Amino acid sequence: MKTEEIVKLSNQDRDLVMTELENPSEPNDSLKELFKSSSKEKQNKDNKEIETQ
């Protein structure tokens, strides 16, 4: 089930979000590690689904 949530931002927060969307920062080490771990989890899930077919 999908849900929606509306988050009200201050003008300053909105500007920060827009700046990041337009000019993304380089990912930090924590974000890189999170991406690696989520990619591994997805690969494991995909492999298990293939094995059960």
PDB file of N, CA and C in Angstrom:
ATOM      1  N   MET A   1       0.848  -1.170   0.000  1.00  0.00           N
ATOM      2  CA  MET A   1       0.000   0.000   0.000  1.00  0.00           C
ATOM      3  C   MET A   1       0.899   1.240   0.000  1.00  0.00           C
ATOM      4  N   LYS A   2       0.577   2.168  -0.829  1.00  0.00           N
ATOM      5  CA  LYS A   2       1.354   3.405  -0.902  1.00  0.00           C
ATOM      6  C   LYS A   2       0.669   4.473  -0.062  1.00  0.00           C
ATOM      7  N   THR A   3       1.497   5.279   0.561  1.00  0.00           N
ATOM      8  CA  THR A   3       0.958   6.390   1.343  1.00  0.00           C
ATOM      9  C   THR A   3       1.626   7.679   0.898  1.00  0.00           C
ATOM     10  N   GLU A   4       0.947   8.743   1.149  1.00  0.00           N
ATOM     11  CA  GLU A   4       1.501  10.065   0.859  1.00  0.00           C
ATOM     12  C   GLU A   4       1.608  10.844   2.151  1.00  0.00           C
ATOM     13  N   GLU A   5       2.577  11.698   2.177  1.00  0.00           N
ATOM     14  CA  GLU A   5       2.735  12.562   3.331  1.00  0.00           C
ATOM     15  C   GLU A   5       3.160  13.934   2.831  1.00  0.00           C
ATOM     16  N   ILE A   6       2.523  14.946   3.328  1.00  0.00           N
ATOM     17  CA  ILE A   6       2.876  16.304   2.968  1.00  0.00           C
ATOM     18  C   ILE A   6       3.754  16.867   4.072  1.00  0.00           C
ATOM     19  N   VAL A   7       4.890  17.377   3.670  1.00  0.00           N
ATOM     20  CA  VAL A   7       5.825  17.972   4.623  1.00  0.00           C
ATOM     21  C   VAL A   7       5.909  19.457   4.308  1.00  0.00           C
ATOM     22  N   LYS A   8       5.624  20.260   5.286  1.00  0.00           N
ATOM     23  CA  LYS A   8       5.706  21.710   5.092  1.00  0.00           C
ATOM     24  C   LYS A   8       7.112  22.167   5.441  1.00  0.00           C
ATOM     25  N   LEU A   9       7.712  22.866   4.518  1.00  0.00           N
ATOM     26  CA  LEU A   9       9.073  23.361   4.704  1.00  0.00           C
ATOM     27  C   LEU A   9       9.063  24.870   4.862  1.00  0.00           C
ATOM     28  N   SER A  10      10.034  25.321   5.618  1.00  0.00           N
ATOM     29  CA  SER A  10      10.232  26.768   5.672  1.00  0.00           C
ATOM     30  C   SER A  10      10.816  27.199   4.335  1.00  0.00           C
ATOM     31  N   ASN A  11      10.804  28.477   4.071  1.00  0.00           N
ATOM     32  CA  ASN A  11      11.399  28.982   2.833  1.00  0.00           C
ATOM     33  C   ASN A  11      12.874  28.618   2.745  1.00  0.00           C
ATOM     34  N   GLN A  12      13.550  28.691   3.874  1.00  0.00           N
ATOM     35  CA  GLN A  12      14.978  28.367   3.895  1.00  0.00           C
ATOM     36  C   GLN A  12      15.194  26.883   3.575  1.00  0.00           C
ATOM     37  N   ASP A  13      14.392  26.009   4.181  1.00  0.00           N
ATOM     38  CA  ASP A  13      14.519  24.576   3.909  1.00  0.00           C
ATOM     39  C   ASP A  13      14.178  24.262   2.457  1.00  0.00           C
ATOM     40  N   ARG A  14      13.155  24.888   1.929  1.00  0.00           N
ATOM     41  CA  ARG A  14      12.777  24.690   0.535  1.00  0.00           C
ATOM     42  C   ARG A  14      13.934  25.074  -0.384  1.00  0.00           C
ATOM     43  N   ASP A  15      14.567  26.198  -0.092  1.00  0.00           N
ATOM     44  CA  ASP A  15      15.695  26.651  -0.903  1.00  0.00           C
ATOM     45  C   ASP A  15      16.858  25.664  -0.843  1.00  0.00           C
ATOM     46  N   LEU A  16      17.104  25.112   0.334  1.00  0.00           N
ATOM     47  CA  LEU A  16      18.172  24.115   0.476  1.00  0.00           C
ATOM     48  C   LEU A  16      17.875  22.860  -0.345  1.00  0.00           C
ATOM     49  N   VAL A  17      16.641  22.402  -0.288  1.00  0.00           N
ATOM     50  CA  VAL A  17      16.250  21.218  -1.053  1.00  0.00           C
ATOM     51  C   VAL A  17      16.413  21.490  -2.551  1.00  0.00           C
ATOM     52  N   MET A  18      15.933  22.621  -2.989  1.00  0.00           N
ATOM     53  CA  MET A  18      16.026  22.956  -4.412  1.00  0.00           C
ATOM     54  C   MET A  18      17.481  23.085  -4.863  1.00  0.00           C
ATOM     55  N   THR A  19      18.311  23.659  -4.039  1.00  0.00           N
ATOM     56  CA  THR A  19      19.732  23.790  -4.369  1.00  0.00           C
ATOM     57  C   THR A  19      20.372  22.415  -4.520  1.00  0.00           C
ATOM     58  N   GLU A  20      20.049  21.499  -3.609  1.00  0.00           N
ATOM     59  CA  GLU A  20      20.610  20.145  -3.695  1.00  0.00           C
ATOM     60  C   GLU A  20      20.096  19.401  -4.920  1.00  0.00           C
ATOM     61  N   LEU A  21      18.850  19.606  -5.275  1.00  0.00           N
ATOM     62  CA  LEU A  21      18.311  18.949  -6.461  1.00  0.00           C
ATOM     63  C   LEU A  21      18.967  19.479  -7.729  1.00  0.00           C
ATOM     64  N   GLU A  22      19.219  20.753  -7.749  1.00  0.00           N
ATOM     65  CA  GLU A  22      19.816  21.368  -8.930  1.00  0.00           C
ATOM     66  C   GLU A  22      21.319  21.136  -9.017  1.00  0.00           C
ATOM     67  N   ASN A  23      21.982  21.073  -7.870  1.00  0.00           N
ATOM     68  CA  ASN A  23      23.441  20.906  -7.797  1.00  0.00           C
ATOM     69  C   ASN A  23      23.778  19.914  -6.689  1.00  0.00           C
ATOM     70  N   PRO A  24      23.596  18.632  -6.950  1.00  0.00           N
ATOM     71  CA  PRO A  24      23.793  17.648  -5.879  1.00  0.00           C
ATOM     72  C   PRO A  24      25.223  17.624  -5.351  1.00  0.00           C
ATOM     73  N   SER A  25      25.327  17.425  -4.053  1.00  0.00           N
ATOM     74  CA  SER A  25      26.632  17.271  -3.409  1.00  0.00           C
ATOM     75  C   SER A  25      27.172  15.877  -3.698  1.00  0.00           C
ATOM     76  N   GLU A  26      28.461  15.711  -3.544  1.00  0.00           N
ATOM     77  CA  GLU A  26      29.049  14.380  -3.655  1.00  0.00           C
ATOM     78  C   GLU A  26      28.571  13.544  -2.464  1.00  0.00           C
ATOM     79  N   PRO A  27      28.298  12.262  -2.668  1.00  0.00           N
ATOM     80  CA  PRO A  27      27.857  11.432  -1.552  1.00  0.00           C
ATOM     81  C   PRO A  27      28.968  11.264  -0.518  1.00  0.00           C
ATOM     82  N   ASN A  28      28.576  11.272   0.746  1.00  0.00           N
ATOM     83  CA  ASN A  28      29.563  11.061   1.802  1.00  0.00           C
ATOM     84  C   ASN A  28      29.750   9.554   2.030  1.00  0.00           C
ATOM     85  N   ASP A  29      30.669   9.194   2.907  1.00  0.00           N
ATOM     86  CA  ASP A  29      30.988   7.779   3.136  1.00  0.00           C
ATOM     87  C   ASP A  29      29.783   6.994   3.649  1.00  0.00           C
ATOM     88  N   SER A  30      28.991   7.607   4.513  1.00  0.00           N
ATOM     89  CA  SER A  30      27.816   6.912   5.057  1.00  0.00           C
ATOM     90  C   SER A  30      26.810   6.590   3.955  1.00  0.00           C
ATOM     91  N   LEU A  31      26.581   7.522   3.076  1.00  0.00           N
ATOM     92  CA  LEU A  31      25.646   7.298   1.980  1.00  0.00           C
ATOM     93  C   LEU A  31      26.175   6.228   1.021  1.00  0.00           C
ATOM     94  N   LYS A  32      27.451   6.251   0.757  1.00  0.00           N
ATOM     95  CA  LYS A  32      28.045   5.230  -0.109  1.00  0.00           C
ATOM     96  C   LYS A  32      27.886   3.841   0.508  1.00  0.00           C
ATOM     97  N   GLU A  33      28.113   3.740   1.802  1.00  0.00           N
ATOM     98  CA  GLU A  33      27.979   2.460   2.489  1.00  0.00           C
ATOM     99  C   GLU A  33      26.529   1.977   2.482  1.00  0.00           C
ATOM    100  N   LEU A  34      25.611   2.876   2.694  1.00  0.00           N
ATOM    101  CA  LEU A  34      24.194   2.532   2.649  1.00  0.00           C
ATOM    102  C   LEU A  34      23.810   2.017   1.264  1.00  0.00           C
ATOM    103  N   PHE A  35      24.281   2.660   0.239  1.00  0.00           N
ATOM    104  CA  PHE A  35      23.994   2.226  -1.124  1.00  0.00           C
ATOM    105  C   PHE A  35      24.552   0.833  -1.374  1.00  0.00           C
ATOM    106  N   LYS A  36      25.780   0.595  -0.934  1.00  0.00           N
ATOM    107  CA  LYS A  36      26.382  -0.725  -1.117  1.00  0.00           C
ATOM    108  C   LYS A  36      25.566  -1.802  -0.417  1.00  0.00           C
ATOM    109  N   SER A  37      25.179  -1.548   0.813  1.00  0.00           N
ATOM    110  CA  SER A  37      24.443  -2.556   1.567  1.00  0.00           C
ATOM    111  C   SER A  37      23.063  -2.800   0.972  1.00  0.00           C
ATOM    112  N   SER A  38      22.392  -1.752   0.511  1.00  0.00           N
ATOM    113  CA  SER A  38      21.067  -1.948  -0.076  1.00  0.00           C
ATOM    114  C   SER A  38      21.174  -2.661  -1.421  1.00  0.00           C
ATOM    115  N   SER A  39      22.240  -2.404  -2.169  1.00  0.00           N
ATOM    116  CA  SER A  39      22.447  -3.093  -3.440  1.00  0.00           C
ATOM    117  C   SER A  39      22.687  -4.580  -3.206  1.00  0.00           C
ATOM    118  N   LYS A  40      23.459  -4.915  -2.191  1.00  0.00           N
ATOM    119  CA  LYS A  40      23.715  -6.315  -1.862  1.00  0.00           C
ATOM    120  C   LYS A  40      22.431  -7.009  -1.429  1.00  0.00           C
ATOM    121  N   GLU A  41      21.616  -6.343  -0.623  1.00  0.00           N
ATOM    122  CA  GLU A  41      20.349  -6.920  -0.184  1.00  0.00           C
ATOM    123  C   GLU A  41      19.442  -7.191  -1.377  1.00  0.00           C
ATOM    124  N   LYS A  42      19.393  -6.273  -2.312  1.00  0.00           N
ATOM    125  CA  LYS A  42      18.553  -6.454  -3.495  1.00  0.00           C
ATOM    126  C   LYS A  42      19.067  -7.618  -4.336  1.00  0.00           C
ATOM    127  N   GLN A  43      20.362  -7.716  -4.490  1.00  0.00           N
ATOM    128  CA  GLN A  43      20.926  -8.828  -5.258  1.00  0.00           C
ATOM    129  C   GLN A  43      20.588 -10.157  -4.593  1.00  0.00           C
ATOM    130  N   ASN A  44      20.695 -10.216  -3.271  1.00  0.00           N
ATOM    131  CA  ASN A  44      20.375 -11.444  -2.546  1.00  0.00           C
ATOM    132  C   ASN A  44      18.906 -11.808  -2.726  1.00  0.00           C
ATOM    133  N   LYS A  45      18.039 -10.823  -2.647  1.00  0.00           N
ATOM    134  CA  LYS A  45      16.610 -11.058  -2.819  1.00  0.00           C
ATOM    135  C   LYS A  45      16.330 -11.567  -4.220  1.00  0.00           C
ATOM    136  N   ASP A  46      16.921 -10.911  -5.229  1.00  0.00           N
ATOM    137  CA  ASP A  46      16.722 -11.320  -6.614  1.00  0.00           C
ATOM    138  C   ASP A  46      17.217 -12.746  -6.843  1.00  0.00           C
ATOM    139  N   ASN A  47      18.351 -13.078  -6.261  1.00  0.00           N
ATOM    140  CA  ASN A  47      18.903 -14.435  -6.413  1.00  0.00           C
ATOM    141  C   ASN A  47      17.994 -15.468  -5.775  1.00  0.00           C
ATOM    142  N   LYS A  48      17.429 -15.167  -4.638  1.00  0.00           N
ATOM    143  CA  LYS A  48      16.515 -16.107  -3.971  1.00  0.00           C
ATOM    144  C   LYS A  48      15.262 -16.312  -4.805  1.00  0.00           C
ATOM    145  N   GLU A  49      14.762 -15.246  -5.420  1.00  0.00           N
ATOM    146  CA  GLU A  49      13.581 -15.377  -6.264  1.00  0.00           C
ATOM    147  C   GLU A  49      13.874 -16.239  -7.476  1.00  0.00           C
ATOM    148  N   ILE A  50      15.046 -16.100  -8.053  1.00  0.00           N
ATOM    149  CA  ILE A  50      15.427 -16.915  -9.213  1.00  0.00           C
ATOM    150  C   ILE A  50      15.529 -18.386  -8.809  1.00  0.00           C
ATOM    151  N   GLU A  51      16.084 -18.654  -7.641  1.00  0.00           N
ATOM    152  CA  GLU A  51      16.255 -20.029  -7.171  1.00  0.00           C
ATOM    153  C   GLU A  51      14.911 -20.723  -6.939  1.00  0.00           C
ATOM    154  N   THR A  52      13.911 -19.976  -6.539  1.00  0.00           N
ATOM    155  CA  THR A  52      12.614 -20.585  -6.237  1.00  0.00           C
ATOM    156  C   THR A  52      11.749 -20.782  -7.474  1.00  0.00           C
ATOM    157  N   GLN A  53      12.185 -20.281  -8.608  1.00  0.00           N
ATOM    158  CA  GLN A  53      11.363 -20.415  -9.826  1.00  0.00           C
ATOM    159  C   GLN A  53      11.599 -21.735 -10.503  1.00  0.00           C
TER     160      GLN A  53
END
